[in-house]
Amino acid sequence: MKNNWLLDQRNHYNQSQGIILKNQRRIYINIFNTVALLWVTVFFSCSNDIEKVNALLNADTDYPQQSADSIEILYSDSGIVRLKLEAPKLYKYDDVKEPYAEFPVGLHVSFYDDTLGIESEITAGYAIWKTSVDIWEARDNVIATNTVKGYTLNTELLIWDKQKELLFSPKFVRVTTKEEVIWGDGFEANQNFTWYHIKQIKGRINLDDE
């Protein structure tokens, strides 16, 4: 009886071992499949990441290549200073399709006459200089003044074409002179603001009548 019981125990043990070995094989197979699946997932994820990195490297960068604080730039013609630009901060973006300089906290530009007297000035809360075409865009509470004639321009967008020496705006403008206040849409003037034209006049107040 005892021997039979031992045989039964051995058979039971062997069956249990067989079941365990089968289960282990299944576990190993499942582990292998899981690892293989993870490897494939990681491979494609890495491939996607590489593609993203390459795309980022080939795309325009969104950070400046140069920056400066408290800048002052002088422009001269035939040895005579014609204008001075001052700004608290400058960012230059050169590695983009259309290079530009940004003045995130504004600027102040002074235009000089032949005797180095200030003829006109422009201030703005924000500005961009498109360096490849030499076009400037001033925004955010733009004020242009001609100190000689007593003109003052107020607008939210003023574009300066430095090559053509012209100022213009497609937005609402208000011009105050010694004689009147005039406002409307669309504006053009020379860069020294000695003459100007408002395209669509919306209103006028004669100051001599007050």
Protein backbone atom coordinates (compact mmCIF):
# COMPACT_ATOMS: atom_id res chain seq x y z
CA MET A 1 0.00 0.00 0.00
CA LYS A 2 2.81 2.30 0.91
CA ASN A 3 4.58 1.60 -2.40
CA ASN A 4 1.40 2.25 -4.33
CA TRP A 5 0.96 5.51 -2.50
CA LEU A 6 4.54 6.51 -3.37
CA LEU A 7 3.94 5.61 -7.03
CA ASP A 8 0.78 7.68 -7.04
CA GLN A 9 2.67 10.61 -5.51
CA ARG A 10 5.44 10.31 -8.09
CA ASN A 11 2.94 10.17 -10.94
CA HIS A 12 1.14 13.15 -9.54
CA TYR A 13 4.44 14.99 -9.17
CA ASN A 14 5.47 14.13 -12.73
CA GLN A 15 2.12 15.30 -14.06
CA SER A 16 2.43 18.48 -12.05
CA GLN A 17 5.94 19.00 -13.39
CA GLY A 18 4.62 18.47 -16.90
CA ILE A 19 1.93 21.03 -16.35
CA ILE A 20 4.46 23.44 -14.85
CA LEU A 21 6.87 22.93 -17.76
CA LYS A 22 4.04 23.52 -20.26
CA ASN A 23 3.01 26.63 -18.36
CA GLN A 24 6.62 27.82 -18.27
CA ARG A 25 6.88 27.32 -22.01
CA ARG A 26 3.71 29.34 -22.46
CA ILE A 27 5.10 32.02 -20.17
CA TYR A 28 8.39 32.09 -22.08
CA ILE A 29 6.51 32.30 -25.38
CA ASN A 30 4.28 35.09 -24.03
CA ILE A 31 7.34 36.93 -22.71
CA PHE A 32 9.09 36.54 -26.06
CA ASN A 33 6.03 37.80 -27.94
CA THR A 34 5.67 40.73 -25.54
CA VAL A 35 9.35 41.67 -25.90
CA ALA A 36 9.12 41.37 -29.68
CA LEU A 37 6.02 43.56 -29.71
CA LEU A 38 7.70 46.14 -27.48
CA TRP A 39 10.80 46.11 -29.68
CA VAL A 40 8.70 46.72 -32.78
CA THR A 41 6.82 49.51 -31.00
CA VAL A 42 10.05 51.11 -29.81
CA PHE A 43 11.54 50.78 -33.30
CA PHE A 44 8.65 52.58 -34.94
CA SER A 45 8.51 55.14 -32.11
CA CYS A 46 12.22 55.82 -32.56
CA SER A 47 11.71 56.08 -36.31
CA ASN A 48 8.91 58.57 -35.76
CA ASP A 49 11.06 60.51 -33.30
CA ILE A 50 13.93 60.60 -35.79
CA GLU A 51 11.56 61.89 -38.45
CA LYS A 52 10.31 64.54 -36.05
CA VAL A 53 13.86 65.56 -35.17
CA ASN A 54 14.79 65.79 -38.84
CA ALA A 55 11.66 67.82 -39.51
CA LEU A 56 12.54 70.18 -36.69
CA LEU A 57 16.10 70.52 -37.91
CA ASN A 58 14.90 71.37 -41.40
CA ALA A 59 12.12 73.70 -40.24
CA ASP A 60 12.44 77.38 -39.37
CA THR A 61 13.71 77.88 -35.85
CA ASP A 62 11.53 79.79 -33.42
CA TYR A 63 14.34 81.12 -31.26
CA PRO A 64 16.67 84.06 -31.99
CA GLN A 65 20.24 83.54 -33.16
CA GLN A 66 21.27 86.91 -31.70
CA SER A 67 19.97 89.12 -28.92
CA ALA A 68 21.03 92.45 -27.45
CA ASP A 69 19.91 94.86 -24.76
CA SER A 70 19.88 98.68 -24.77
CA ILE A 71 20.91 99.02 -28.41
CA GLU A 72 21.67 102.14 -30.42
CA ILE A 73 22.06 102.05 -34.22
CA LEU A 74 23.18 104.98 -36.35
CA TYR A 75 22.54 105.26 -40.10
CA SER A 76 24.58 107.70 -42.15
CA ASP A 77 24.63 108.94 -45.74
CA SER A 78 27.77 110.55 -47.24
CA GLY A 79 29.25 110.75 -43.76
CA ILE A 80 26.20 112.52 -42.29
CA VAL A 81 24.08 110.81 -39.63
CA ARG A 82 20.53 110.59 -40.94
CA LEU A 83 18.79 108.60 -38.23
CA LYS A 84 19.32 106.98 -34.85
CA LEU A 85 17.45 103.92 -33.63
CA GLU A 86 17.23 103.10 -29.92
CA ALA A 87 15.59 100.03 -28.37
CA PRO A 88 15.64 98.29 -24.98
CA LYS A 89 15.86 94.82 -26.57
CA LEU A 90 16.60 93.24 -29.94
CA TYR A 91 16.17 89.67 -31.21
CA LYS A 92 17.55 88.60 -34.61
CA TYR A 93 16.22 85.58 -36.46
CA ASP A 94 18.63 84.68 -39.26
CA ASP A 95 17.99 80.93 -39.78
CA VAL A 96 14.50 81.36 -41.26
CA LYS A 97 13.17 81.72 -44.78
CA GLU A 98 12.57 85.44 -44.29
CA PRO A 99 15.16 86.78 -41.80
CA TYR A 100 13.96 89.49 -39.47
CA ALA A 101 14.79 91.44 -36.34
CA GLU A 102 12.27 91.87 -33.55
CA PHE A 103 11.96 94.70 -31.07
CA PRO A 104 9.63 93.09 -28.52
CA VAL A 105 9.38 96.05 -26.14
CA GLY A 106 9.41 98.83 -28.70
CA LEU A 107 11.78 101.33 -30.24
CA HIS A 108 12.45 105.01 -30.81
CA VAL A 109 13.72 106.38 -34.14
CA SER A 110 15.03 109.91 -34.67
CA PHE A 111 15.48 111.40 -38.16
CA TYR A 112 18.06 114.18 -38.56
CA ASP A 113 18.37 117.07 -41.01
CA ASP A 114 21.64 118.26 -42.58
CA THR A 115 22.55 120.19 -39.43
CA LEU A 116 21.98 117.10 -37.19
CA GLY A 117 18.83 118.66 -35.79
CA ILE A 118 15.96 116.24 -35.08
CA GLU A 119 13.42 116.66 -37.86
CA SER A 120 11.02 113.82 -37.01
CA GLU A 121 10.61 110.91 -34.60
CA ILE A 122 8.78 107.56 -34.40
CA THR A 123 8.00 105.57 -31.28
CA ALA A 124 6.19 102.23 -30.99
CA GLY A 125 5.54 99.54 -28.42
CA TYR A 126 6.59 96.76 -30.82
CA ALA A 127 8.38 96.52 -34.16
CA ILE A 128 9.74 94.07 -36.74
CA TRP A 129 12.47 94.72 -39.29
CA LYS A 130 12.36 92.45 -42.35
CA THR A 131 16.06 92.57 -43.07
CA SER A 132 16.09 91.02 -46.56
CA VAL A 133 13.75 93.68 -47.99
CA ASP A 134 14.51 96.48 -45.48
CA ILE A 135 10.86 96.90 -44.49
CA TRP A 136 9.95 97.97 -40.95
CA GLU A 137 6.59 97.42 -39.25
CA ALA A 138 5.82 99.40 -36.10
CA ARG A 139 2.81 98.44 -33.99
CA ASP A 140 1.15 99.10 -30.66
CA ASN A 141 0.55 102.78 -29.97
CA VAL A 142 2.64 104.16 -32.83
CA ILE A 143 3.39 107.87 -32.65
CA ALA A 144 5.18 109.78 -35.41
CA THR A 145 6.00 113.46 -35.06
CA ASN A 146 7.53 116.18 -37.19
CA THR A 147 9.06 118.65 -34.77
CA VAL A 148 9.56 121.33 -37.42
CA LYS A 149 6.01 121.43 -38.81
CA GLY A 150 4.29 120.34 -35.61
CA TYR A 151 2.61 117.20 -37.06
CA THR A 152 1.69 114.24 -34.86
CA LEU A 153 0.46 110.91 -36.22
CA ASN A 154 -1.28 108.26 -34.08
CA THR A 155 -1.99 104.75 -35.38
CA GLU A 156 -1.68 101.07 -34.48
CA LEU A 157 0.34 100.08 -37.55
CA LEU A 158 2.94 102.04 -39.44
CA ILE A 159 5.08 100.53 -42.21
CA TRP A 160 8.39 102.11 -43.17
CA ASP A 161 9.96 101.27 -46.53
CA LYS A 162 13.51 102.40 -45.91
CA GLN A 163 14.63 101.97 -49.53
CA LYS A 164 11.81 104.15 -50.86
CA GLU A 165 11.94 106.45 -47.81
CA LEU A 166 8.17 106.17 -47.39
CA LEU A 167 5.80 105.72 -44.45
CA PHE A 168 2.37 104.20 -44.94
CA SER A 169 -0.45 102.45 -43.10
CA PRO A 170 -3.63 100.65 -44.20
CA LYS A 171 -5.16 101.19 -40.74
CA PHE A 172 -7.00 103.98 -38.99
CA VAL A 173 -4.85 107.08 -38.43
CA ARG A 174 -5.22 110.42 -36.73
CA VAL A 175 -3.06 113.41 -37.60
CA THR A 176 -2.88 116.48 -35.41
CA THR A 177 -1.41 119.71 -36.79
CA LYS A 178 -1.32 123.25 -35.52
CA GLU A 179 -4.50 123.99 -37.46
CA GLU A 180 -6.59 120.80 -37.33
CA VAL A 181 -7.16 117.22 -36.27
CA ILE A 182 -7.93 114.91 -39.16
CA TRP A 183 -8.59 111.17 -39.14
CA GLY A 184 -9.38 108.37 -41.55
CA ASP A 185 -8.24 105.07 -43.05
CA GLY A 186 -5.03 104.66 -45.02
CA PHE A 187 -1.99 106.89 -44.82
CA GLU A 188 1.21 107.69 -46.67
CA ALA A 189 4.03 110.15 -46.11
CA ASN A 190 7.73 110.65 -46.66
CA GLN A 191 9.94 109.22 -43.91
CA ASN A 192 10.70 112.67 -42.49
CA PHE A 193 6.95 113.32 -42.25
CA THR A 194 7.24 116.71 -43.96
CA TRP A 195 4.22 115.83 -46.11
CA TYR A 196 1.39 113.31 -45.67
CA HIS A 197 -1.84 112.12 -47.26
CA ILE A 198 -4.84 110.37 -45.68
CA LYS A 199 -6.59 108.24 -48.28
CA GLN A 200 -10.11 108.02 -46.83
CA ILE A 201 -10.85 110.97 -44.58
CA LYS A 202 -13.53 110.19 -42.00
CA GLY A 203 -13.52 113.42 -40.01
CA ARG A 204 -11.86 116.74 -39.37
CA ILE A 205 -11.82 119.32 -36.61
CA ASN A 206 -10.52 122.81 -37.30
CA LEU A 207 -8.62 123.96 -34.23
CA ASP A 208 -8.80 127.64 -35.25
CA ASP A 209 -12.58 127.56 -34.69
CA GLU A 210 -12.24 126.54 -31.02
